[in-house]
PDB file of all heavy atoms in Angstrom:
ATOM      1  N   SER A   1      39.861 108.049  67.667  1.00  0.00           N
ATOM      2  CA  SER A   1      39.709 109.284  67.993  1.00  0.00           C
ATOM      3  C   SER A   1      39.569 110.207  66.695  1.00  0.00           C
ATOM      4  O   SER A   1      39.662 109.620  65.575  1.00  0.00           O
ATOM      5  CB  SER A   1      40.739 109.874  68.851  1.00  0.00           C
ATOM      6  OG  SER A   1      41.970 110.060  68.124  1.00  0.00           O
ATOM      7  N   ALA A   2      39.398 111.516  66.810  1.00  0.00           N
ATOM      8  CA  ALA A   2      39.257 112.276  65.655  1.00  0.00           C
ATOM      9  C   ALA A   2      40.735 112.795  65.161  1.00  0.00           C
ATOM     10  O   ALA A   2      40.791 113.434  64.118  1.00  0.00           O
ATOM     11  CB  ALA A   2      38.467 113.567  65.875  1.00  0.00           C
ATOM     12  N   VAL A   3      41.723 112.362  65.863  1.00  0.00           N
ATOM     13  CA  VAL A   3      43.144 112.719  65.518  1.00  0.00           C
ATOM     14  C   VAL A   3      43.638 111.816  64.551  1.00  0.00           C
ATOM     15  O   VAL A   3      43.631 110.565  64.763  1.00  0.00           O
ATOM     16  CB  VAL A   3      44.005 112.816  66.779  1.00  0.00           C
ATOM     17  CG1 VAL A   3      45.413 113.208  66.460  1.00  0.00           C
ATOM     18  CG2 VAL A   3      43.267 113.722  67.743  1.00  0.00           C
ATOM     19  N   LYS A   4      44.311 112.296  63.486  1.00  0.00           N
ATOM     20  CA  LYS A   4      45.002 111.443  62.487  1.00  0.00           C
ATOM     21  C   LYS A   4      46.444 111.386  62.823  1.00  0.00           C
ATOM     22  O   LYS A   4      47.098 112.388  63.080  1.00  0.00           O
ATOM     23  CB  LYS A   4      44.786 112.138  61.025  1.00  0.00           C
ATOM     24  CG  LYS A   4      43.365 112.113  60.662  1.00  0.00           C
ATOM     25  CD  LYS A   4      42.793 110.649  60.500  1.00  0.00           C
ATOM     26  CE  LYS A   4      41.338 110.695  60.012  1.00  0.00           C
ATOM     27  NZ  LYS A   4      40.724 109.366  60.039  1.00  0.00           N
ATOM     28  N   PRO A   5      47.092 110.126  62.692  1.00  0.00           N
ATOM     29  CA  PRO A   5      48.522 110.064  63.079  1.00  0.00           C
ATOM     30  C   PRO A   5      49.308 110.831  62.036  1.00  0.00           C
ATOM     31  O   PRO A   5      48.942 110.978  60.874  1.00  0.00           O
ATOM     32  CB  PRO A   5      48.846 108.489  62.932  1.00  0.00           C
ATOM     33  CG  PRO A   5      47.376 107.861  62.874  1.00  0.00           C
ATOM     34  CD  PRO A   5      46.361 108.948  62.372  1.00  0.00           C
ATOM     35  N   ASN A   6      50.518 111.269  62.421  1.00  0.00           N
ATOM     36  CA  ASN A   6      51.478 111.817  61.549  1.00  0.00           C
ATOM     37  C   ASN A   6      52.743 110.962  61.581  1.00  0.00           C
ATOM     38  O   ASN A   6      52.749 109.886  62.178  1.00  0.00           O
ATOM     39  CB  ASN A   6      51.857 113.175  61.913  1.00  0.00           C
ATOM     40  CG  ASN A   6      52.509 113.419  63.190  1.00  0.00           C
ATOM     41  OD1 ASN A   6      52.757 112.454  63.999  1.00  0.00           O
ATOM     42  ND2 ASN A   6      52.913 114.646  63.542  1.00  0.00           N
ATOM     43  N   GLU A   7      53.863 111.388  61.106  1.00  0.00           N
ATOM     44  CA  GLU A   7      55.094 110.597  60.862  1.00  0.00           C
ATOM     45  C   GLU A   7      55.619 110.248  62.310  1.00  0.00           C
ATOM     46  O   GLU A   7      56.230 109.132  62.458  1.00  0.00           O
ATOM     47  CB  GLU A   7      56.199 111.259  60.069  1.00  0.00           C
ATOM     48  CG  GLU A   7      55.853 111.444  58.637  1.00  0.00           C
ATOM     49  CD  GLU A   7      54.943 112.579  58.279  1.00  0.00           C
ATOM     50  OE1 GLU A   7      54.439 113.315  59.203  1.00  0.00           O
ATOM     51  OE2 GLU A   7      54.616 112.696  57.059  1.00  0.00           O
ATOM     52  N   VAL A   8      55.478 111.100  63.258  1.00  0.00           N
ATOM     53  CA  VAL A   8      55.992 110.806  64.670  1.00  0.00           C
ATOM     54  C   VAL A   8      55.208 109.694  65.201  1.00  0.00           C
ATOM     55  O   VAL A   8      55.758 108.683  65.902  1.00  0.00           O
ATOM     56  CB  VAL A   8      55.853 112.129  65.483  1.00  0.00           C
ATOM     57  CG1 VAL A   8      56.236 111.811  67.011  1.00  0.00           C
ATOM     58  CG2 VAL A   8      56.793 113.234  64.962  1.00  0.00           C
ATOM     59  N   SER A   9      53.786 109.614  65.030  1.00  0.00           N
ATOM     60  CA  SER A   9      53.021 108.522  65.486  1.00  0.00           C
ATOM     61  C   SER A   9      53.449 107.314  64.949  1.00  0.00           C
ATOM     62  O   SER A   9      53.581 106.177  65.596  1.00  0.00           O
ATOM     63  CB  SER A   9      51.587 108.867  65.282  1.00  0.00           C
ATOM     64  OG  SER A   9      51.201 110.169  65.379  1.00  0.00           O
ATOM     65  N   ILE A  10      53.670 107.247  63.673  1.00  0.00           N
ATOM     66  CA  ILE A  10      53.987 105.978  62.841  1.00  0.00           C
ATOM     67  C   ILE A  10      55.386 105.491  63.395  1.00  0.00           C
ATOM     68  O   ILE A  10      55.592 104.283  63.450  1.00  0.00           O
ATOM     69  CB  ILE A  10      54.057 106.387  61.356  1.00  0.00           C
ATOM     70  CG1 ILE A  10      52.701 106.683  60.940  1.00  0.00           C
ATOM     71  CG2 ILE A  10      54.607 105.106  60.551  1.00  0.00           C
ATOM     72  CD1 ILE A  10      51.605 105.548  60.969  1.00  0.00           C
ATOM     73  N   VAL A  11      56.305 106.444  63.662  1.00  0.00           N
ATOM     74  CA  VAL A  11      57.673 105.963  64.101  1.00  0.00           C
ATOM     75  C   VAL A  11      57.529 105.197  65.430  1.00  0.00           C
ATOM     76  O   VAL A  11      58.130 104.182  65.551  1.00  0.00           O
ATOM     77  CB  VAL A  11      58.672 107.097  64.162  1.00  0.00           C
ATOM     78  CG1 VAL A  11      59.855 106.749  65.027  1.00  0.00           C
ATOM     79  CG2 VAL A  11      59.053 107.597  62.828  1.00  0.00           C
ATOM     80  N   ALA A  12      56.716 105.744  66.303  1.00  0.00           N
ATOM     81  CA  ALA A  12      56.397 105.068  67.573  1.00  0.00           C
ATOM     82  C   ALA A  12      55.839 103.632  67.392  1.00  0.00           C
ATOM     83  O   ALA A  12      56.208 102.630  68.043  1.00  0.00           O
ATOM     84  CB  ALA A  12      55.505 105.908  68.421  1.00  0.00           C
ATOM     85  N   LEU A  13      54.803 103.605  66.497  1.00  0.00           N
ATOM     86  CA  LEU A  13      54.168 102.311  66.220  1.00  0.00           C
ATOM     87  C   LEU A  13      55.009 101.317  65.581  1.00  0.00           C
ATOM     88  O   LEU A  13      55.090 100.184  66.105  1.00  0.00           O
ATOM     89  CB  LEU A  13      53.008 102.624  65.193  1.00  0.00           C
ATOM     90  CG  LEU A  13      52.201 101.283  64.658  1.00  0.00           C
ATOM     91  CD1 LEU A  13      51.570 100.610  65.828  1.00  0.00           C
ATOM     92  CD2 LEU A  13      51.295 101.713  63.559  1.00  0.00           C
ATOM     93  N   VAL A  14      55.776 101.670  64.680  1.00  0.00           N
ATOM     94  CA  VAL A  14      56.734 100.862  63.990  1.00  0.00           C
ATOM     95  C   VAL A  14      57.958 100.357  64.910  1.00  0.00           C
ATOM     96  O   VAL A  14      58.379  99.190  64.897  1.00  0.00           O
ATOM     97  CB  VAL A  14      57.347 101.472  62.766  1.00  0.00           C
ATOM     98  CG1 VAL A  14      58.432 100.698  62.080  1.00  0.00           C
ATOM     99  CG2 VAL A  14      56.241 101.802  61.774  1.00  0.00           C
ATOM    100  N   SER A  15      58.386 101.234  65.812  1.00  0.00           N
ATOM    101  CA  SER A  15      59.428 100.873  66.754  1.00  0.00           C
ATOM    102  C   SER A  15      58.870  99.865  67.697  1.00  0.00           C
ATOM    103  O   SER A  15      59.600  98.849  68.162  1.00  0.00           O
ATOM    104  CB  SER A  15      59.865 102.125  67.550  1.00  0.00           C
ATOM    105  OG  SER A  15      60.404 103.171  66.667  1.00  0.00           O
ATOM    106  N   ALA A  16      57.509 100.027  68.223  1.00  0.00           N
ATOM    107  CA  ALA A  16      56.964  99.049  69.001  1.00  0.00           C
ATOM    108  C   ALA A  16      56.875  97.605  68.361  1.00  0.00           C
ATOM    109  O   ALA A  16      57.176  96.545  68.967  1.00  0.00           O
ATOM    110  CB  ALA A  16      55.605  99.391  69.487  1.00  0.00           C
ATOM    111  N   CYS A  17      56.542  97.563  67.056  1.00  0.00           N
ATOM    112  CA  CYS A  17      56.481  96.383  66.221  1.00  0.00           C
ATOM    113  C   CYS A  17      57.811  95.805  66.201  1.00  0.00           C
ATOM    114  O   CYS A  17      57.924  94.556  66.232  1.00  0.00           O
ATOM    115  CB  CYS A  17      55.906  96.733  64.879  1.00  0.00           C
ATOM    116  SG  CYS A  17      54.057  97.141  64.827  1.00  0.00           S
ATOM    117  N   ALA A  18      58.824  96.539  66.033  1.00  0.00           N
ATOM    118  CA  ALA A  18      60.248  96.044  65.974  1.00  0.00           C
ATOM    119  C   ALA A  18      60.562  95.332  67.321  1.00  0.00           C
ATOM    120  O   ALA A  18      61.156  94.171  67.263  1.00  0.00           O
ATOM    121  CB  ALA A  18      61.242  97.189  65.774  1.00  0.00           C
ATOM    122  N   ASN A  19      60.185  95.923  68.437  1.00  0.00           N
ATOM    123  CA  ASN A  19      60.525  95.377  69.657  1.00  0.00           C
ATOM    124  C   ASN A  19      59.789  93.982  69.869  1.00  0.00           C
ATOM    125  O   ASN A  19      60.402  93.077  70.481  1.00  0.00           O
ATOM    126  CB  ASN A  19      60.139  96.269  70.857  1.00  0.00           C
ATOM    127  CG  ASN A  19      61.044  97.449  70.944  1.00  0.00           C
ATOM    128  OD1 ASN A  19      62.174  97.399  70.557  1.00  0.00           O
ATOM    129  ND2 ASN A  19      60.529  98.559  71.488  1.00  0.00           N
ATOM    130  N   LEU A  20      58.599  93.958  69.373  1.00  0.00           N
ATOM    131  CA  LEU A  20      57.773  92.721  69.514  1.00  0.00           C
ATOM    132  C   LEU A  20      58.040  91.636  68.418  1.00  0.00           C
ATOM    133  O   LEU A  20      57.624  90.564  68.630  1.00  0.00           O
ATOM    134  CB  LEU A  20      56.253  93.087  69.521  1.00  0.00           C
ATOM    135  CG  LEU A  20      55.740  93.915  70.694  1.00  0.00           C
ATOM    136  CD1 LEU A  20      54.378  94.408  70.344  1.00  0.00           C
ATOM    137  CD2 LEU A  20      55.690  92.999  71.937  1.00  0.00           C
ATOM    138  N   GLY A  21      58.679  92.028  67.373  1.00  0.00           N
ATOM    139  CA  GLY A  21      58.802  91.138  66.226  1.00  0.00           C
ATOM    140  C   GLY A  21      57.530  90.932  65.537  1.00  0.00           C
ATOM    141  O   GLY A  21      57.199  89.922  64.872  1.00  0.00           O
ATOM    142  N   ALA A  22      56.633  91.998  65.692  1.00  0.00           N
ATOM    143  CA  ALA A  22      55.160  91.867  65.155  1.00  0.00           C
ATOM    144  C   ALA A  22      55.183  92.247  63.619  1.00  0.00           C
ATOM    145  O   ALA A  22      54.877  93.430  63.288  1.00  0.00           O
ATOM    146  CB  ALA A  22      54.269  92.705  65.907  1.00  0.00           C
ATOM    147  N   LEU A  23      55.577  91.366  62.814  1.00  0.00           N
ATOM    148  CA  LEU A  23      55.684  91.676  61.392  1.00  0.00           C
ATOM    149  C   LEU A  23      54.422  92.130  60.757  1.00  0.00           C
ATOM    150  O   LEU A  23      54.445  93.121  59.960  1.00  0.00           O
ATOM    151  CB  LEU A  23      56.261  90.520  60.611  1.00  0.00           C
ATOM    152  CG  LEU A  23      56.367  90.618  59.075  1.00  0.00           C
ATOM    153  CD1 LEU A  23      57.320  91.817  58.709  1.00  0.00           C
ATOM    154  CD2 LEU A  23      56.820  89.318  58.470  1.00  0.00           C
ATOM    155  N   SER A  24      53.306  91.540  60.997  1.00  0.00           N
ATOM    156  CA  SER A  24      52.023  91.921  60.422  1.00  0.00           C
ATOM    157  C   SER A  24      51.572  93.288  60.672  1.00  0.00           C
ATOM    158  O   SER A  24      51.183  94.009  59.809  1.00  0.00           O
ATOM    159  CB  SER A  24      50.874  90.900  60.867  1.00  0.00           C
ATOM    160  OG  SER A  24      51.200  89.636  60.483  1.00  0.00           O
ATOM    161  N   GLN A  25      51.672  93.733  62.044  1.00  0.00           N
ATOM    162  CA  GLN A  25      51.412  95.031  62.384  1.00  0.00           C
ATOM    163  C   GLN A  25      52.347  96.051  61.807  1.00  0.00           C
ATOM    164  O   GLN A  25      51.882  97.128  61.400  1.00  0.00           O
ATOM    165  CB  GLN A  25      51.346  95.141  63.912  1.00  0.00           C
ATOM    166  CG  GLN A  25      50.162  94.428  64.489  1.00  0.00           C
ATOM    167  CD  GLN A  25      50.452  93.009  64.907  1.00  0.00           C
ATOM    168  OE1 GLN A  25      51.335  92.356  64.238  1.00  0.00           O
ATOM    169  NE2 GLN A  25      49.774  92.445  65.927  1.00  0.00           N
ATOM    170  N   GLY A  26      53.671  95.681  61.649  1.00  0.00           N
ATOM    171  CA  GLY A  26      54.578  96.522  61.167  1.00  0.00           C
ATOM    172  C   GLY A  26      54.392  96.760  59.666  1.00  0.00           C
ATOM    173  O   GLY A  26      54.462  97.905  59.131  1.00  0.00           O
ATOM    174  N   ALA A  27      54.093  95.732  58.953  1.00  0.00           N
ATOM    175  CA  ALA A  27      53.730  95.746  57.538  1.00  0.00           C
ATOM    176  C   ALA A  27      52.524  96.647  57.353  1.00  0.00           C
ATOM    177  O   ALA A  27      52.362  97.346  56.287  1.00  0.00           O
ATOM    178  CB  ALA A  27      53.639  94.329  56.967  1.00  0.00           C
ATOM    179  N   TRP A  28      51.523  96.402  58.202  1.00  0.00           N
ATOM    180  CA  TRP A  28      50.235  97.372  58.125  1.00  0.00           C
ATOM    181  C   TRP A  28      50.542  98.731  58.226  1.00  0.00           C
ATOM    182  O   TRP A  28      50.025  99.576  57.438  1.00  0.00           O
ATOM    183  CB  TRP A  28      49.293  96.883  59.187  1.00  0.00           C
ATOM    184  CG  TRP A  28      48.042  97.697  59.152  1.00  0.00           C
ATOM    185  CD1 TRP A  28      46.911  97.482  58.514  1.00  0.00           C
ATOM    186  CD2 TRP A  28      47.838  98.910  59.895  1.00  0.00           C
ATOM    187  NE1 TRP A  28      45.895  98.462  58.812  1.00  0.00           N
ATOM    188  CE2 TRP A  28      46.621  99.422  59.585  1.00  0.00           C
ATOM    189  CE3 TRP A  28      48.690  99.713  60.769  1.00  0.00           C
ATOM    190  CZ2 TRP A  28      46.065 100.588  60.169  1.00  0.00           C
ATOM    191  CZ3 TRP A  28      48.113 100.948  61.199  1.00  0.00           C
ATOM    192  CH2 TRP A  28      46.877 101.350  60.969  1.00  0.00           C
ATOM    193  N   ALA A  29      51.468  99.169  59.094  1.00  0.00           N
ATOM    194  CA  ALA A  29      51.910 100.469  59.356  1.00  0.00           C
ATOM    195  C   ALA A  29      52.504 100.947  58.065  1.00  0.00           C
ATOM    196  O   ALA A  29      52.330 102.206  57.650  1.00  0.00           O
ATOM    197  CB  ALA A  29      52.841 100.637  60.472  1.00  0.00           C
ATOM    198  N   HIS A  30      53.461 100.129  57.412  1.00  0.00           N
ATOM    199  CA  HIS A  30      54.035 100.528  56.194  1.00  0.00           C
ATOM    200  C   HIS A  30      53.036 100.821  55.074  1.00  0.00           C
ATOM    201  O   HIS A  30      53.104 101.893  54.402  1.00  0.00           O
ATOM    202  CB  HIS A  30      55.065  99.441  55.759  1.00  0.00           C
ATOM    203  CG  HIS A  30      55.892  99.798  54.629  1.00  0.00           C
ATOM    204  ND1 HIS A  30      56.863  98.964  54.088  1.00  0.00           N
ATOM    205  CD2 HIS A  30      56.047 100.966  53.858  1.00  0.00           C
ATOM    206  CE1 HIS A  30      57.497  99.624  53.111  1.00  0.00           C
ATOM    207  NE2 HIS A  30      57.028 100.777  52.978  1.00  0.00           N
ATOM    208  N   LEU A  31      52.050 100.028  54.953  1.00  0.00           N
ATOM    209  CA  LEU A  31      50.965 100.142  53.944  1.00  0.00           C
ATOM    210  C   LEU A  31      50.182 101.380  54.321  1.00  0.00           C
ATOM    211  O   LEU A  31      49.741 102.182  53.360  1.00  0.00           O
ATOM    212  CB  LEU A  31      50.109  98.938  53.918  1.00  0.00           C
ATOM    213  CG  LEU A  31      49.030  98.856  52.751  1.00  0.00           C
ATOM    214  CD1 LEU A  31      49.715  98.921  51.478  1.00  0.00           C
ATOM    215  CD2 LEU A  31      48.191  97.553  52.948  1.00  0.00           C
ATOM    216  N   TYR A  32      49.983 101.656  55.615  1.00  0.00           N
ATOM    217  CA  TYR A  32      49.204 102.738  56.026  1.00  0.00           C
ATOM    218  C   TYR A  32      49.844 104.139  55.504  1.00  0.00           C
ATOM    219  O   TYR A  32      49.276 105.069  55.086  1.00  0.00           O
ATOM    220  CB  TYR A  32      49.009 102.842  57.494  1.00  0.00           C
ATOM    221  CG  TYR A  32      48.158 103.951  58.060  1.00  0.00           C
ATOM    222  CD1 TYR A  32      46.792 103.736  58.190  1.00  0.00           C
ATOM    223  CD2 TYR A  32      48.852 105.079  58.579  1.00  0.00           C
ATOM    224  CE1 TYR A  32      45.991 104.766  58.756  1.00  0.00           C
ATOM    225  CE2 TYR A  32      48.058 106.147  59.083  1.00  0.00           C
ATOM    226  CZ  TYR A  32      46.635 105.959  59.172  1.00  0.00           C
ATOM    227  OH  TYR A  32      45.810 107.016  59.648  1.00  0.00           O
TER     228      TYR A  32
END
């Protein structure tokens, strides 16, 4: 979409990665 994530969006993404144990996606979010 045309909407850029902010810190709140990133917290939600990283929290989901934590629940899944999805290290690659979580590390991508950190780099983002």
